[in-house]
Protein backbone atom coordinates (compact mmCIF):
# COMPACT_ATOMS: atom_id res chain seq x y z
CA MET A 1 0.00 0.00 0.00
CA LEU A 2 2.82 2.40 0.83
CA SER A 3 4.35 2.05 -2.63
CA GLU A 4 0.95 2.78 -4.20
CA TYR A 5 0.70 6.06 -2.27
CA SER A 6 4.37 6.85 -2.87
CA ASP A 7 3.66 6.57 -6.59
CA LYS A 8 0.64 8.85 -6.13
CA ILE A 9 2.79 11.39 -4.30
CA ARG A 10 5.48 11.27 -6.99
CA ALA A 11 2.87 11.69 -9.70
CA GLN A 12 1.95 15.11 -8.34
CA ARG A 13 3.89 17.78 -10.16
CA GLY A 14 6.93 19.00 -8.29
CA ILE A 15 7.17 16.29 -5.63
CA GLY A 16 10.70 15.57 -4.46
CA ASN A 17 12.39 13.42 -1.86
CA HIS A 18 14.00 15.01 1.22
CA TYR A 19 16.93 12.60 1.28
CA GLY A 20 18.81 14.59 -1.35
CA LYS A 21 18.33 17.99 0.28
CA LYS A 22 21.48 19.31 1.89
CA TYR A 23 20.35 22.47 3.67
CA TYR A 24 19.08 20.78 6.83
CA GLY A 25 21.27 21.51 9.81
CA ARG A 26 23.40 24.09 7.96
CA THR A 27 23.59 27.30 9.98
CA ASP A 28 26.87 28.95 9.00
CA GLY A 29 26.40 32.39 7.46
CA LEU A 30 22.61 32.44 7.90
CA GLU A 31 20.64 35.21 9.54
CA LYS A 32 19.05 34.55 12.95
CA LYS A 33 15.57 34.06 11.46
CA GLN A 34 16.89 31.60 8.88
CA LYS A 35 18.79 29.69 11.56
CA ARG A 36 15.61 29.35 13.61
CA GLN A 37 13.74 28.11 10.53
CA GLU A 38 16.49 25.61 9.70
CA ALA A 39 16.45 24.33 13.29
CA ALA A 40 12.67 23.84 13.16
CA TYR A 41 12.95 21.98 9.82
CA SER A 42 15.70 19.76 11.22
CA VAL A 43 13.70 18.87 14.33
CA TRP A 44 10.57 18.05 12.35
CA ARG A 45 12.48 16.16 9.68
CA GLN A 46 14.11 13.98 12.33
CA ALA A 47 10.81 13.47 14.16
CA LEU A 48 9.01 12.39 10.99
CA LYS A 49 11.87 10.07 10.10
CA THR A 50 11.87 8.58 13.62
CA ASN A 51 8.12 7.95 13.34
CA GLY A 52 8.72 5.97 10.14
CA TYR A 53 7.43 8.43 7.55
CA GLN A 54 8.91 8.74 4.09
CA MET A 55 9.33 12.45 3.57
CA TYR A 56 8.74 14.37 0.40
CA TYR A 57 8.34 18.03 -0.41
CA TRP A 58 6.27 19.78 -3.09
CA THR A 59 7.34 22.63 -5.31
CA ASN A 60 5.77 24.66 -8.07
CA GLU A 61 8.54 26.72 -9.60
CA GLY A 62 6.18 28.80 -11.73
CA LEU A 63 4.59 30.21 -8.58
CA ALA A 64 7.73 30.02 -6.41
CA ALA A 65 5.73 27.79 -4.04
CA GLU A 66 7.02 25.00 -1.81
CA VAL A 67 5.43 22.83 0.88
CA ASP A 68 8.05 21.70 3.40
CA PHE A 69 6.89 18.10 3.91
CA VAL A 70 4.43 15.78 2.20
CA ILE A 71 3.84 12.45 3.96
CA GLN A 72 1.42 9.54 3.82
CA LYS A 73 -0.59 9.10 7.04
CA GLU A 74 -3.27 6.42 7.37
CA GLY A 75 -3.60 6.14 3.60
CA LYS A 76 -3.88 9.90 3.05
CA ILE A 77 -1.41 12.32 1.53
CA VAL A 78 -0.74 15.07 4.07
CA PRO A 79 1.06 18.35 3.34
CA ILE A 80 2.93 19.87 6.30
CA GLU A 81 4.26 23.43 6.44
CA VAL A 82 6.72 24.41 9.18
CA LYS A 83 6.76 28.05 10.34
CA SER A 84 9.31 28.87 13.03
CA GLY A 85 8.05 32.36 13.88
CA GLU A 86 4.80 34.11 14.65
CA ASN A 87 4.16 34.74 10.94
CA THR A 88 2.08 31.76 9.87
CA HIS A 89 1.02 32.94 6.43
CA ALA A 90 1.43 29.88 4.27
CA ARG A 91 0.73 30.97 0.70
CA SER A 92 2.31 27.80 -0.72
CA LEU A 93 0.21 25.58 1.54
CA LYS A 94 -2.98 27.37 0.46
CA HIS A 95 -2.00 26.93 -3.18
CA TYR A 96 -1.41 23.21 -2.60
CA GLN A 97 -4.82 22.98 -0.90
CA LYS A 98 -6.56 24.51 -3.91
CA LEU A 99 -4.79 22.24 -6.39
CA TYR A 100 -5.11 18.87 -4.62
CA GLU A 101 -7.84 19.30 -1.96
CA PRO A 102 -6.18 17.06 0.66
CA GLU A 103 -8.36 15.83 3.53
CA LEU A 104 -5.74 16.74 6.13
CA VAL A 105 -3.43 19.79 6.09
CA ILE A 106 -1.00 20.59 8.91
CA ARG A 107 0.84 23.79 9.77
CA ILE A 108 3.52 23.69 12.46
CA SER A 109 4.24 27.01 14.19
CA GLU A 110 4.82 28.79 17.49
CA LYS A 111 1.07 29.24 17.81
CA ASN A 112 -1.09 26.96 19.94
CA PHE A 113 -3.30 24.12 18.69
CA GLY A 114 -6.01 25.31 16.33
CA TYR A 115 -8.03 24.80 13.17
CA GLU A 116 -8.64 27.54 10.62
CA GLU A 117 -9.54 27.51 6.91
CA GLY A 118 -9.08 23.74 6.65
CA VAL A 119 -5.64 23.76 8.27
CA PHE A 120 -4.77 22.13 11.58
CA THR A 121 -2.16 24.13 13.50
CA LEU A 122 0.19 22.30 15.83
CA PRO A 123 2.76 23.98 18.08
CA LEU A 124 6.43 23.29 17.34
CA TYR A 125 6.74 21.03 20.40
CA ALA A 126 3.83 18.74 19.42
CA VAL A 127 5.69 16.36 17.12
CA PHE A 128 4.15 13.38 18.89
CA TYR A 129 0.74 14.19 17.33
CA ILE A 130 1.87 13.22 13.84
């Protein structure tokens, strides 16, 4: 079943695999905000990996849009956007929602648990919920 959904994920335009990405954990020469974002990505990437998820990301170069993680959870394809600061505007995530209409959409941020406009918000510390 996993391979069937992996094929479905790959079939979506712009899906890539996180294993080839090299920017995780790199902090030299980055601004403070970027370092915080990289740290949040690294923590979530490791948590998803530890929980057994295959991690993908989605991009649409024409719109300069990217969703940080795309995983399969309980037979569903789930986009996950990680926001390390108070700014939780996720234009790319909203674009993904319009294109693919996923049943579950997750945004990780410094904000508390919530649900707004079809997006579940989880605080950065709540990795155990995924």
